[in-house]
Amino acid sequence: MPDRATPNLPSSDFDATESFYASLGFERASRDPGWMVLERGRLTLEFFPFPGLKPDRSNFACCLRLDDLEGFYAVCLEAGIEEKAEGFPRLHPPGDKKLMAALIDPDGTLLRLIRN
């Protein structure tokens, strides 16, 4: 297996987190009370419990480097995530050069969506 990194992100509620990411095509790889791993193809996100996390005070972030940025962004839109400046979850569309977009999940974690 090639070298890889897997972001460790907070979840205020594993059930809600799993449901949100399932709508984006992620599937459970493993889960116990203290850790959850979700995968979508070669993307892996790991979650730890963070009860009481306030989305508007979250400083957590990671990058998803994507071969098909537009395709993944379309999946987010189809899942009902809105493009807006406030609230959780939300999307920020790709810029003029279409190299990066952003997804902020229900817990306030910023996922930068970057074109490979």
PDB file of N, CA and C in Angstrom:
ATOM      1  N   MET A   1       0.845  -1.176   0.000  1.00  0.00           N
ATOM      2  CA  MET A   1       0.000   0.000   0.000  1.00  0.00           C
ATOM      3  C   MET A   1       0.891   1.240   0.000  1.00  0.00           C
ATOM      4  N   PRO A   2       0.553   2.229  -0.829  1.00  0.00           N
ATOM      5  CA  PRO A   2       1.357   3.460  -0.856  1.00  0.00           C
ATOM      6  C   PRO A   2       1.183   4.255   0.430  1.00  0.00           C
ATOM      7  N   ASP A   3       2.155   5.118   0.709  1.00  0.00           N
ATOM      8  CA  ASP A   3       2.033   6.012   1.858  1.00  0.00           C
ATOM      9  C   ASP A   3       0.760   6.828   1.711  1.00  0.00           C
ATOM     10  N   ARG A   4       0.141   7.173   2.832  1.00  0.00           N
ATOM     11  CA  ARG A   4      -1.058   7.998   2.803  1.00  0.00           C
ATOM     12  C   ARG A   4      -1.256   8.651   4.149  1.00  0.00           C
ATOM     13  N   ALA A   5      -2.095   9.645   4.179  1.00  0.00           N
ATOM     14  CA  ALA A   5      -2.468  10.311   5.421  1.00  0.00           C
ATOM     15  C   ALA A   5      -3.979  10.245   5.546  1.00  0.00           C
ATOM     16  N   THR A   6      -4.463  10.142   6.761  1.00  0.00           N
ATOM     17  CA  THR A   6      -5.897  10.138   6.989  1.00  0.00           C
ATOM     18  C   THR A   6      -6.218  11.179   8.057  1.00  0.00           C
ATOM     19  N   PRO A   7      -6.964  12.219   7.687  1.00  0.00           N
ATOM     20  CA  PRO A   7      -7.286  13.269   8.651  1.00  0.00           C
ATOM     21  C   PRO A   7      -8.099  12.717   9.817  1.00  0.00           C
ATOM     22  N   ASN A   8      -7.811  13.217  11.006  1.00  0.00           N
ATOM     23  CA  ASN A   8      -8.562  12.889  12.217  1.00  0.00           C
ATOM     24  C   ASN A   8      -9.417  14.099  12.546  1.00  0.00           C
ATOM     25  N   LEU A   9     -10.732  13.937  12.450  1.00  0.00           N
ATOM     26  CA  LEU A   9     -11.668  15.041  12.561  1.00  0.00           C
ATOM     27  C   LEU A   9     -12.640  14.822  13.710  1.00  0.00           C
ATOM     28  N   PRO A  10     -13.198  15.901  14.253  1.00  0.00           N
ATOM     29  CA  PRO A  10     -14.119  15.776  15.372  1.00  0.00           C
ATOM     30  C   PRO A  10     -15.541  15.445  14.903  1.00  0.00           C
ATOM     31  N   SER A  11     -16.255  14.759  15.761  1.00  0.00           N
ATOM     32  CA  SER A  11     -17.672  14.476  15.522  1.00  0.00           C
ATOM     33  C   SER A  11     -18.422  14.662  16.833  1.00  0.00           C
ATOM     34  N   SER A  12     -19.419  15.521  16.808  1.00  0.00           N
ATOM     35  CA  SER A  12     -20.238  15.701  18.009  1.00  0.00           C
ATOM     36  C   SER A  12     -21.234  14.563  18.165  1.00  0.00           C
ATOM     37  N   ASP A  13     -21.495  13.819  17.082  1.00  0.00           N
ATOM     38  CA  ASP A  13     -22.464  12.715  17.104  1.00  0.00           C
ATOM     39  C   ASP A  13     -22.119  11.778  15.951  1.00  0.00           C
ATOM     40  N   PHE A  14     -21.602  10.592  16.271  1.00  0.00           N
ATOM     41  CA  PHE A  14     -21.176   9.660  15.223  1.00  0.00           C
ATOM     42  C   PHE A  14     -22.315   9.316  14.264  1.00  0.00           C
ATOM     43  N   ASP A  15     -23.532   9.110  14.769  1.00  0.00           N
ATOM     44  CA  ASP A  15     -24.643   8.763  13.882  1.00  0.00           C
ATOM     45  C   ASP A  15     -24.898   9.881  12.867  1.00  0.00           C
ATOM     46  N   ALA A  16     -24.943  11.121  13.336  1.00  0.00           N
ATOM     47  CA  ALA A  16     -25.186  12.256  12.442  1.00  0.00           C
ATOM     48  C   ALA A  16     -24.040  12.424  11.448  1.00  0.00           C
ATOM     49  N   THR A  17     -22.803  12.273  11.923  1.00  0.00           N
ATOM     50  CA  THR A  17     -21.639  12.390  11.034  1.00  0.00           C
ATOM     51  C   THR A  17     -21.667  11.318   9.963  1.00  0.00           C
ATOM     52  N   GLU A  18     -21.926  10.092  10.361  1.00  0.00           N
ATOM     53  CA  GLU A  18     -21.960   8.994   9.398  1.00  0.00           C
ATOM     54  C   GLU A  18     -23.069   9.211   8.365  1.00  0.00           C
ATOM     55  N   SER A  19     -24.220   9.659   8.799  1.00  0.00           N
ATOM     56  CA  SER A  19     -25.329   9.923   7.888  1.00  0.00           C
ATOM     57  C   SER A  19     -24.980  11.036   6.891  1.00  0.00           C
ATOM     58  N   PHE A  20     -24.382  12.120   7.388  1.00  0.00           N
ATOM     59  CA  PHE A  20     -23.998  13.229   6.515  1.00  0.00           C
ATOM     60  C   PHE A  20     -23.020  12.760   5.449  1.00  0.00           C
ATOM     61  N   TYR A  21     -21.960  12.087   5.851  1.00  0.00           N
ATOM     62  CA  TYR A  21     -20.945  11.665   4.896  1.00  0.00           C
ATOM     63  C   TYR A  21     -21.431  10.530   3.997  1.00  0.00           C
ATOM     64  N   ALA A  22     -22.371   9.716   4.468  1.00  0.00           N
ATOM     65  CA  ALA A  22     -22.964   8.678   3.617  1.00  0.00           C
ATOM     66  C   ALA A  22     -23.684   9.319   2.436  1.00  0.00           C
ATOM     67  N   SER A  23     -24.296  10.484   2.656  1.00  0.00           N
ATOM     68  CA  SER A  23     -24.978  11.179   1.562  1.00  0.00           C
ATOM     69  C   SER A  23     -23.996  11.663   0.501  1.00  0.00           C
ATOM     70  N   LEU A  24     -22.701  11.686   0.842  1.00  0.00           N
ATOM     71  CA  LEU A  24     -21.646  12.085  -0.095  1.00  0.00           C
ATOM     72  C   LEU A  24     -20.896  10.879  -0.655  1.00  0.00           C
ATOM     73  N   GLY A  25     -21.382   9.671  -0.349  1.00  0.00           N
ATOM     74  CA  GLY A  25     -20.785   8.458  -0.893  1.00  0.00           C
ATOM     75  C   GLY A  25     -19.761   7.777  -0.004  1.00  0.00           C
ATOM     76  N   PHE A  26     -19.592   8.250   1.236  1.00  0.00           N
ATOM     77  CA  PHE A  26     -18.661   7.604   2.157  1.00  0.00           C
ATOM     78  C   PHE A  26     -19.351   6.418   2.814  1.00  0.00           C
ATOM     79  N   GLU A  27     -18.581   5.369   3.052  1.00  0.00           N
ATOM     80  CA  GLU A  27     -19.087   4.178   3.717  1.00  0.00           C
ATOM     81  C   GLU A  27     -18.273   3.888   4.970  1.00  0.00           C
ATOM     82  N   ARG A  28     -18.925   3.278   5.936  1.00  0.00           N
ATOM     83  CA  ARG A  28     -18.240   2.931   7.180  1.00  0.00           C
ATOM     84  C   ARG A  28     -17.211   1.837   6.927  1.00  0.00           C
ATOM     85  N   ALA A  29     -15.983   2.082   7.341  1.00  0.00           N
ATOM     86  CA  ALA A  29     -14.929   1.071   7.300  1.00  0.00           C
ATOM     87  C   ALA A  29     -14.796   0.425   8.670  1.00  0.00           C
ATOM     88  N   SER A  30     -14.955   1.241   9.722  1.00  0.00           N
ATOM     89  CA  SER A  30     -14.952   0.704  11.085  1.00  0.00           C
ATOM     90  C   SER A  30     -15.546   1.745  12.025  1.00  0.00           C
ATOM     91  N   ARG A  31     -16.032   1.245  13.157  1.00  0.00           N
ATOM     92  CA  ARG A  31     -16.603   2.161  14.147  1.00  0.00           C
ATOM     93  C   ARG A  31     -16.697   1.449  15.490  1.00  0.00           C
ATOM     94  N   ASP A  32     -16.285   2.156  16.516  1.00  0.00           N
ATOM     95  CA  ASP A  32     -16.520   1.746  17.897  1.00  0.00           C
ATOM     96  C   ASP A  32     -16.828   3.023  18.670  1.00  0.00           C
ATOM     97  N   PRO A  33     -17.084   2.979  19.948  1.00  0.00           N
ATOM     98  CA  PRO A  33     -17.472   4.199  20.666  1.00  0.00           C
ATOM     99  C   PRO A  33     -16.424   5.316  20.645  1.00  0.00           C
ATOM    100  N   GLY A  34     -15.157   4.977  20.402  1.00  0.00           N
ATOM    101  CA  GLY A  34     -14.115   5.985  20.462  1.00  0.00           C
ATOM    102  C   GLY A  34     -13.507   6.383  19.131  1.00  0.00           C
ATOM    103  N   TRP A  35     -13.938   5.757  18.020  1.00  0.00           N
ATOM    104  CA  TRP A  35     -13.312   6.056  16.729  1.00  0.00           C
ATOM    105  C   TRP A  35     -14.204   5.577  15.603  1.00  0.00           C
ATOM    106  N   MET A  36     -14.222   6.328  14.507  1.00  0.00           N
ATOM    107  CA  MET A  36     -14.987   5.924  13.330  1.00  0.00           C
ATOM    108  C   MET A  36     -14.163   6.254  12.090  1.00  0.00           C
ATOM    109  N   VAL A  37     -14.161   5.325  11.143  1.00  0.00           N
ATOM    110  CA  VAL A  37     -13.446   5.504   9.884  1.00  0.00           C
ATOM    111  C   VAL A  37     -14.451   5.383   8.743  1.00  0.00           C
ATOM    112  N   LEU A  38     -14.460   6.402   7.869  1.00  0.00           N
ATOM    113  CA  LEU A  38     -15.322   6.413   6.694  1.00  0.00           C
ATOM    114  C   LEU A  38     -14.456   6.508   5.447  1.00  0.00           C
ATOM    115  N   GLU A  39     -14.876   5.791   4.396  1.00  0.00           N
ATOM    116  CA  GLU A  39     -14.093   5.768   3.165  1.00  0.00           C
ATOM    117  C   GLU A  39     -14.983   6.011   1.951  1.00  0.00           C
ATOM    118  N   ARG A  40     -14.389   6.660   0.981  1.00  0.00           N
ATOM    119  CA  ARG A  40     -15.018   6.864  -0.339  1.00  0.00           C
ATOM    120  C   ARG A  40     -13.906   6.704  -1.350  1.00  0.00           C
ATOM    121  N   GLY A  41     -13.831   5.551  -1.973  1.00  0.00           N
ATOM    122  CA  GLY A  41     -12.714   5.276  -2.867  1.00  0.00           C
ATOM    123  C   GLY A  41     -11.410   5.369  -2.103  1.00  0.00           C
ATOM    124  N   ARG A  42     -10.498   6.222  -2.567  1.00  0.00           N
ATOM    125  CA  ARG A  42      -9.200   6.377  -1.903  1.00  0.00           C
ATOM    126  C   ARG A  42      -9.214   7.454  -0.822  1.00  0.00           C
ATOM    127  N   LEU A  43     -10.375   8.072  -0.569  1.00  0.00           N
ATOM    128  CA  LEU A  43     -10.487   9.070   0.504  1.00  0.00           C
ATOM    129  C   LEU A  43     -10.838   8.369   1.811  1.00  0.00           C
ATOM    130  N   THR A  44     -10.109   8.678   2.859  1.00  0.00           N
ATOM    131  CA  THR A  44     -10.387   8.125   4.177  1.00  0.00           C
ATOM    132  C   THR A  44     -10.452   9.272   5.175  1.00  0.00           C
ATOM    133  N   LEU A  45     -11.534   9.316   5.942  1.00  0.00           N
ATOM    134  CA  LEU A  45     -11.694  10.282   7.024  1.00  0.00           C
ATOM    135  C   LEU A  45     -11.885   9.514   8.313  1.00  0.00           C
ATOM    136  N   GLU A  46     -11.154   9.906   9.344  1.00  0.00           N
ATOM    137  CA  GLU A  46     -11.277   9.276  10.654  1.00  0.00           C
ATOM    138  C   GLU A  46     -11.859  10.298  11.623  1.00  0.00           C
ATOM    139  N   PHE A  47     -12.759   9.853  12.481  1.00  0.00           N
ATOM    140  CA  PHE A  47     -13.458  10.743  13.399  1.00  0.00           C
ATOM    141  C   PHE A  47     -13.297  10.281  14.837  1.00  0.00           C
ATOM    142  N   PHE A  48     -13.137  11.254  15.727  1.00  0.00           N
ATOM    143  CA  PHE A  48     -13.091  10.998  17.158  1.00  0.00           C
ATOM    144  C   PHE A  48     -14.258  11.740  17.799  1.00  0.00           C
ATOM    145  N   PRO A  49     -14.763  11.235  18.926  1.00  0.00           N
ATOM    146  CA  PRO A  49     -15.888  11.905  19.576  1.00  0.00           C
ATOM    147  C   PRO A  49     -15.470  13.246  20.178  1.00  0.00           C
ATOM    148  N   PHE A  50     -16.314  14.234  19.988  1.00  0.00           N
ATOM    149  CA  PHE A  50     -16.083  15.565  20.539  1.00  0.00           C
ATOM    150  C   PHE A  50     -17.448  16.114  20.968  1.00  0.00           C
ATOM    151  N   PRO A  51     -18.002  15.556  22.049  1.00  0.00           N
ATOM    152  CA  PRO A  51     -19.301  16.033  22.517  1.00  0.00           C
ATOM    153  C   PRO A  51     -19.240  17.520  22.853  1.00  0.00           C
ATOM    154  N   GLY A  52     -20.304  18.213  22.530  1.00  0.00           N
ATOM    155  CA  GLY A  52     -20.366  19.636  22.848  1.00  0.00           C
ATOM    156  C   GLY A  52     -19.628  20.537  21.885  1.00  0.00           C
ATOM    157  N   LEU A  53     -19.088  19.990  20.798  1.00  0.00           N
ATOM    158  CA  LEU A  53     -18.396  20.809  19.810  1.00  0.00           C
ATOM    159  C   LEU A  53     -19.362  21.846  19.240  1.00  0.00           C
ATOM    160  N   LYS A  54     -18.928  23.076  19.204  1.00  0.00           N
ATOM    161  CA  LYS A  54     -19.726  24.162  18.642  1.00  0.00           C
ATOM    162  C   LYS A  54     -19.202  24.451  17.234  1.00  0.00           C
ATOM    163  N   PRO A  55     -20.018  24.212  16.192  1.00  0.00           N
ATOM    164  CA  PRO A  55     -19.536  24.388  14.813  1.00  0.00           C
ATOM    165  C   PRO A  55     -18.953  25.776  14.540  1.00  0.00           C
ATOM    166  N   ASP A  56     -19.526  26.802  15.126  1.00  0.00           N
ATOM    167  CA  ASP A  56     -19.036  28.151  14.853  1.00  0.00           C
ATOM    168  C   ASP A  56     -17.731  28.467  15.574  1.00  0.00           C
ATOM    169  N   ARG A  57     -17.247  27.545  16.394  1.00  0.00           N
ATOM    170  CA  ARG A  57     -15.978  27.743  17.104  1.00  0.00           C
ATOM    171  C   ARG A  57     -14.931  26.709  16.695  1.00  0.00           C
ATOM    172  N   SER A  58     -15.269  25.885  15.718  1.00  0.00           N
ATOM    173  CA  SER A  58     -14.359  24.829  15.282  1.00  0.00           C
ATOM    174  C   SER A  58     -13.188  25.402  14.486  1.00  0.00           C
ATOM    175  N   ASN A  59     -12.008  24.867  14.740  1.00  0.00           N
ATOM    176  CA  ASN A  59     -10.806  25.246  13.992  1.00  0.00           C
ATOM    177  C   ASN A  59     -10.244  24.063  13.211  1.00  0.00           C
ATOM    178  N   PHE A  60     -11.043  23.014  13.038  1.00  0.00           N
ATOM    179  CA  PHE A  60     -10.566  21.808  12.373  1.00  0.00           C
ATOM    180  C   PHE A  60     -10.686  21.961  10.861  1.00  0.00           C
ATOM    181  N   ALA A  61      -9.705  21.407  10.135  1.00  0.00           N
ATOM    182  CA  ALA A  61      -9.713  21.490   8.680  1.00  0.00           C
ATOM    183  C   ALA A  61      -8.856  20.374   8.091  1.00  0.00           C
ATOM    184  N   CYS A  62      -9.127  20.061   6.835  1.00  0.00           N
ATOM    185  CA  CYS A  62      -8.286  19.135   6.083  1.00  0.00           C
ATOM    186  C   CYS A  62      -8.502  19.416   4.597  1.00  0.00           C
ATOM    187  N   CYS A  63      -7.694  18.787   3.771  1.00  0.00           N
ATOM    188  CA  CYS A  63      -7.825  18.921   2.324  1.00  0.00           C
ATOM    189  C   CYS A  63      -8.185  17.571   1.723  1.00  0.00           C
ATOM    190  N   LEU A  64      -9.129  17.587   0.787  1.00  0.00           N
ATOM    191  CA  LEU A  64      -9.415  16.423  -0.032  1.00  0.00           C
ATOM    192  C   LEU A  64      -8.917  16.750  -1.428  1.00  0.00           C
ATOM    193  N   ARG A  65      -7.928  16.023  -1.878  1.00  0.00           N
ATOM    194  CA  ARG A  65      -7.364  16.249  -3.209  1.00  0.00           C
ATOM    195  C   ARG A  65      -8.083  15.299  -4.161  1.00  0.00           C
ATOM    196  N   LEU A  66      -8.758  15.899  -5.138  1.00  0.00           N
ATOM    197  CA  LEU A  66      -9.705  15.171  -5.963  1.00  0.00           C
ATOM    198  C   LEU A  66      -9.337  15.218  -7.442  1.00  0.00           C
ATOM    199  N   ASP A  67      -9.432  14.065  -8.111  1.00  0.00           N
ATOM    200  CA  ASP A  67      -9.264  14.033  -9.565  1.00  0.00           C
ATOM    201  C   ASP A  67     -10.459  14.690 -10.249  1.00  0.00           C
ATOM    202  N   ASP A  68     -11.643  14.556  -9.646  1.00  0.00           N
ATOM    203  CA  ASP A  68     -12.866  15.098 -10.236  1.00  0.00           C
ATOM    204  C   ASP A  68     -13.535  16.051  -9.243  1.00  0.00           C
ATOM    205  N   LEU A  69     -12.969  17.236  -9.116  1.00  0.00           N
ATOM    206  CA  LEU A  69     -13.513  18.240  -8.199  1.00  0.00           C
ATOM    207  C   LEU A  69     -14.965  18.558  -8.544  1.00  0.00           C
ATOM    208  N   GLU A  70     -15.264  18.792  -9.813  1.00  0.00           N
ATOM    209  CA  GLU A  70     -16.629  19.142 -10.212  1.00  0.00           C
ATOM    210  C   GLU A  70     -17.606  18.026  -9.892  1.00  0.00           C
ATOM    211  N   GLY A  71     -17.193  16.783 -10.104  1.00  0.00           N
ATOM    212  CA  GLY A  71     -18.059  15.639  -9.818  1.00  0.00           C
ATOM    213  C   GLY A  71     -18.381  15.527  -8.338  1.00  0.00           C
ATOM    214  N   PHE A  72     -17.357  15.680  -7.490  1.00  0.00           N
ATOM    215  CA  PHE A  72     -17.602  15.597  -6.051  1.00  0.00           C
ATOM    216  C   PHE A  72     -18.457  16.768  -5.585  1.00  0.00           C
ATOM    217  N   TYR A  73     -18.211  17.949  -6.132  1.00  0.00           N
ATOM    218  CA  TYR A  73     -18.994  19.129  -5.781  1.00  0.00           C
ATOM    219  C   TYR A  73     -20.461  18.918  -6.167  1.00  0.00           C
ATOM    220  N   ALA A  74     -20.689  18.309  -7.326  1.00  0.00           N
ATOM    221  CA  ALA A  74     -22.055  18.009  -7.761  1.00  0.00           C
ATOM    222  C   ALA A  74     -22.732  17.038  -6.797  1.00  0.00           C
ATOM    223  N   VAL A  75     -21.993  16.056  -6.303  1.00  0.00           N
ATOM    224  CA  VAL A  75     -22.544  15.122  -5.314  1.00  0.00           C
ATOM    225  C   VAL A  75     -22.977  15.884  -4.064  1.00  0.00           C
ATOM    226  N   CYS A  76     -22.166  16.845  -3.639  1.00  0.00           N
ATOM    227  CA  CYS A  76     -22.511  17.659  -2.461  1.00  0.00           C
ATOM    228  C   CYS A  76     -23.801  18.438  -2.702  1.00  0.00           C
ATOM    229  N   LEU A  77     -23.919  19.039  -3.875  1.00  0.00           N
ATOM    230  CA  LEU A  77     -25.144  19.780  -4.207  1.00  0.00           C
ATOM    231  C   LEU A  77     -26.351  18.849  -4.251  1.00  0.00           C
ATOM    232  N   GLU A  78     -26.189  17.677  -4.862  1.00  0.00           N
ATOM    233  CA  GLU A  78     -27.275  16.701  -4.948  1.00  0.00           C
ATOM    234  C   GLU A  78     -27.695  16.206  -3.568  1.00  0.00           C
ATOM    235  N   ALA A  79     -26.774  16.210  -2.615  1.00  0.00           N
ATOM    236  CA  ALA A  79     -27.082  15.797  -1.246  1.00  0.00           C
ATOM    237  C   ALA A  79     -27.842  16.889  -0.487  1.00  0.00           C
ATOM    238  N   GLY A  80     -28.034  18.040  -1.129  1.00  0.00           N
ATOM    239  CA  GLY A  80     -28.804  19.111  -0.513  1.00  0.00           C
ATOM    240  C   GLY A  80     -27.987  20.115   0.264  1.00  0.00           C
ATOM    241  N   ILE A  81     -26.671  20.075   0.127  1.00  0.00           N
ATOM    242  CA  ILE A  81     -25.825  21.044   0.814  1.00  0.00           C
ATOM    243  C   ILE A  81     -25.856  22.338   0.002  1.00  0.00           C
ATOM    244  N   GLU A  82     -26.165  23.430   0.671  1.00  0.00           N
ATOM    245  CA  GLU A  82     -26.351  24.706  -0.012  1.00  0.00           C
ATOM    246  C   GLU A  82     -25.057  25.511  -0.095  1.00  0.00           C
ATOM    247  N   GLU A  83     -24.959  26.282  -1.164  1.00  0.00           N
ATOM    248  CA  GLU A  83     -23.906  27.284  -1.293  1.00  0.00           C
ATOM    249  C   GLU A  83     -24.377  28.511  -0.528  1.00  0.00           C
ATOM    250  N   LYS A  84     -23.688  28.826   0.554  1.00  0.00           N
ATOM    251  CA  LYS A  84     -24.061  29.982   1.359  1.00  0.00           C
ATOM    252  C   LYS A  84     -22.870  30.421   2.179  1.00  0.00           C
ATOM    253  N   ALA A  85     -22.959  31.619   2.751  1.00  0.00           N
ATOM    254  CA  ALA A  85     -21.832  32.204   3.480  1.00  0.00           C
ATOM    255  C   ALA A  85     -21.850  31.863   4.966  1.00  0.00           C
ATOM    256  N   GLU A  86     -22.981  31.429   5.484  1.00  0.00           N
ATOM    257  CA  GLU A  86     -23.094  31.119   6.912  1.00  0.00           C
ATOM    258  C   GLU A  86     -23.898  29.844   7.098  1.00  0.00           C
ATOM    259  N   GLY A  87     -23.771  29.269   8.294  1.00  0.00           N
ATOM    260  CA  GLY A  87     -24.527  28.077   8.635  1.00  0.00           C
ATOM    261  C   GLY A  87     -23.740  26.810   8.365  1.00  0.00           C
ATOM    262  N   PHE A  88     -24.288  25.712   8.869  1.00  0.00           N
ATOM    263  CA  PHE A  88     -23.610  24.414   8.780  1.00  0.00           C
ATOM    264  C   PHE A  88     -24.635  23.347   8.448  1.00  0.00           C
ATOM    265  N   PRO A  89     -24.361  22.469   7.510  1.00  0.00           N
ATOM    266  CA  PRO A  89     -23.227  22.465   6.585  1.00  0.00           C
ATOM    267  C   PRO A  89     -23.428  23.508   5.486  1.00  0.00           C
ATOM    268  N   ARG A  90     -22.368  23.731   4.710  1.00  0.00           N
ATOM    269  CA  ARG A  90     -22.457  24.661   3.578  1.00  0.00           C
ATOM    270  C   ARG A  90     -21.319  24.405   2.601  1.00  0.00           C
ATOM    271  N   LEU A  91     -21.512  24.968   1.408  1.00  0.00           N
ATOM    272  CA  LEU A  91     -20.530  24.868   0.344  1.00  0.00           C
ATOM    273  C   LEU A  91     -20.086  26.255  -0.088  1.00  0.00           C
ATOM    274  N   HIS A  92     -18.838  26.328  -0.533  1.00  0.00           N
ATOM    275  CA  HIS A  92     -18.305  27.519  -1.187  1.00  0.00           C
ATOM    276  C   HIS A  92     -17.831  27.048  -2.562  1.00  0.00           C
ATOM    277  N   PRO A  93     -18.369  27.622  -3.638  1.00  0.00           N
ATOM    278  CA  PRO A  93     -18.070  27.116  -4.985  1.00  0.00           C
ATOM    279  C   PRO A  93     -16.619  27.328  -5.400  1.00  0.00           C
ATOM    280  N   PRO A  94     -16.207  26.567  -6.427  1.00  0.00           N
ATOM    281  CA  PRO A  94     -14.852  26.766  -6.954  1.00  0.00           C
ATOM    282  C   PRO A  94     -14.670  28.185  -7.469  1.00  0.00           C
ATOM    283  N   GLY A  95     -13.463  28.701  -7.356  1.00  0.00           N
ATOM    284  CA  GLY A  95     -13.146  30.034  -7.848  1.00  0.00           C
ATOM    285  C   GLY A  95     -13.040  30.051  -9.370  1.00  0.00           C
ATOM    286  N   ASP A  96     -12.597  31.170  -9.897  1.00  0.00           N
ATOM    287  CA  ASP A  96     -12.500  31.363 -11.339  1.00  0.00           C
ATOM    288  C   ASP A  96     -11.660  30.292 -12.037  1.00  0.00           C
ATOM    289  N   LYS A  97     -10.570  29.892 -11.403  1.00  0.00           N
ATOM    290  CA  LYS A  97      -9.693  28.895 -12.022  1.00  0.00           C
ATOM    291  C   LYS A  97     -10.159  27.470 -11.753  1.00  0.00           C
ATOM    292  N   LYS A  98     -11.208  27.328 -10.942  1.00  0.00           N
ATOM    293  CA  LYS A  98     -11.813  26.030 -10.629  1.00  0.00           C
ATOM    294  C   LYS A  98     -10.798  25.035 -10.065  1.00  0.00           C
ATOM    295  N   LEU A  99      -9.925  25.531  -9.194  1.00  0.00           N
ATOM    296  CA  LEU A  99      -8.904  24.680  -8.580  1.00  0.00           C
ATOM    297  C   LEU A  99      -9.268  24.255  -7.170  1.00  0.00           C
ATOM    298  N   MET A 100     -10.148  25.021  -6.497  1.00  0.00           N
ATOM    299  CA  MET A 100     -10.478  24.712  -5.121  1.00  0.00           C
ATOM    300  C   MET A 100     -11.890  25.179  -4.793  1.00  0.00           C
ATOM    301  N   ALA A 101     -12.583  24.372  -4.005  1.00  0.00           N
ATOM    302  CA  ALA A 101     -13.882  24.711  -3.439  1.00  0.00           C
ATOM    303  C   ALA A 101     -13.801  24.367  -1.962  1.00  0.00           C
ATOM    304  N   ALA A 102     -14.894  24.555  -1.236  1.00  0.00           N
ATOM    305  CA  ALA A 102     -14.869  24.231   0.188  1.00  0.00           C
ATOM    306  C   ALA A 102     -16.203  23.653   0.618  1.00  0.00           C
ATOM    307  N   LEU A 103     -16.100  22.707   1.533  1.00  0.00           N
ATOM    308  CA  LEU A 103     -17.249  22.097   2.190  1.00  0.00           C
ATOM    309  C   LEU A 103     -17.039  22.280   3.686  1.00  0.00           C
ATOM    310  N   ILE A 104     -18.027  22.818   4.368  1.00  0.00           N
ATOM    311  CA  ILE A 104     -17.982  22.902   5.825  1.00  0.00           C
ATOM    312  C   ILE A 104     -19.044  21.945   6.326  1.00  0.00           C
ATOM    313  N   ASP A 105     -18.623  20.965   7.122  1.00  0.00           N
ATOM    314  CA  ASP A 105     -19.552  19.919   7.555  1.00  0.00           C
ATOM    315  C   ASP A 105     -20.408  20.393   8.730  1.00  0.00           C
ATOM    316  N   PRO A 106     -21.353  19.576   9.195  1.00  0.00           N
ATOM    317  CA  PRO A 106     -22.252  20.002  10.273  1.00  0.00           C
ATOM    318  C   PRO A 106     -21.540  20.376  11.578  1.00  0.00           C
ATOM    319  N   ASP A 107     -20.324  19.857  11.797  1.00  0.00           N
ATOM    320  CA  ASP A 107     -19.569  20.192  13.007  1.00  0.00           C
ATOM    321  C   ASP A 107     -18.638  21.373  12.810  1.00  0.00           C
ATOM    322  N   GLY A 108     -18.699  22.017  11.649  1.00  0.00           N
ATOM    323  CA  GLY A 108     -17.878  23.194  11.395  1.00  0.00           C
ATOM    324  C   GLY A 108     -16.498  22.894  10.847  1.00  0.00           C
ATOM    325  N   THR A 109     -16.217  21.631  10.534  1.00  0.00           N
ATOM    326  CA  THR A 109     -14.920  21.275   9.968  1.00  0.00           C
ATOM    327  C   THR A 109     -14.852  21.732   8.515  1.00  0.00           C
ATOM    328  N   LEU A 110     -13.783  22.434   8.166  1.00  0.00           N
ATOM    329  CA  LEU A 110     -13.540  22.888   6.806  1.00  0.00           C
ATOM    330  C   LEU A 110     -12.820  21.789   6.034  1.00  0.00           C
ATOM    331  N   LEU A 111     -13.422  21.355   4.934  1.00  0.00           N
ATOM    332  CA  LEU A 111     -12.775  20.420   4.023  1.00  0.00           C
ATOM    333  C   LEU A 111     -12.514  21.178   2.729  1.00  0.00           C
ATOM    334  N   ARG A 112     -11.235  21.460   2.475  1.00  0.00           N
ATOM    335  CA  ARG A 112     -10.868  22.123   1.219  1.00  0.00           C
ATOM    336  C   ARG A 112     -10.903  21.061   0.123  1.00  0.00           C
ATOM    337  N   LEU A 113     -11.639  21.337  -0.913  1.00  0.00           N
ATOM    338  CA  LEU A 113     -11.765  20.425  -2.043  1.00  0.00           C
ATOM    339  C   LEU A 113     -10.843  20.946  -3.144  1.00  0.00           C
ATOM    340  N   ILE A 114      -9.736  20.240  -3.353  1.00  0.00           N
ATOM    341  CA  ILE A 114      -8.675  20.735  -4.233  1.00  0.00           C
ATOM    342  C   ILE A 114      -8.502  19.804  -5.421  1.00  0.00           C
ATOM    343  N   ARG A 115      -8.453  20.398  -6.605  1.00  0.00           N
ATOM    344  CA  ARG A 115      -8.225  19.624  -7.820  1.00  0.00           C
ATOM    345  C   ARG A 115      -6.802  19.096  -7.835  1.00  0.00           C
ATOM    346  N   ASN A 116      -6.661  17.805  -8.115  1.00  0.00           N
ATOM    347  CA  ASN A 116      -5.319  17.220  -8.282  1.00  0.00           C
ATOM    348  C   ASN A 116      -4.635  17.834  -9.471  1.00  0.00           C
TER     349      ASN A 116
END
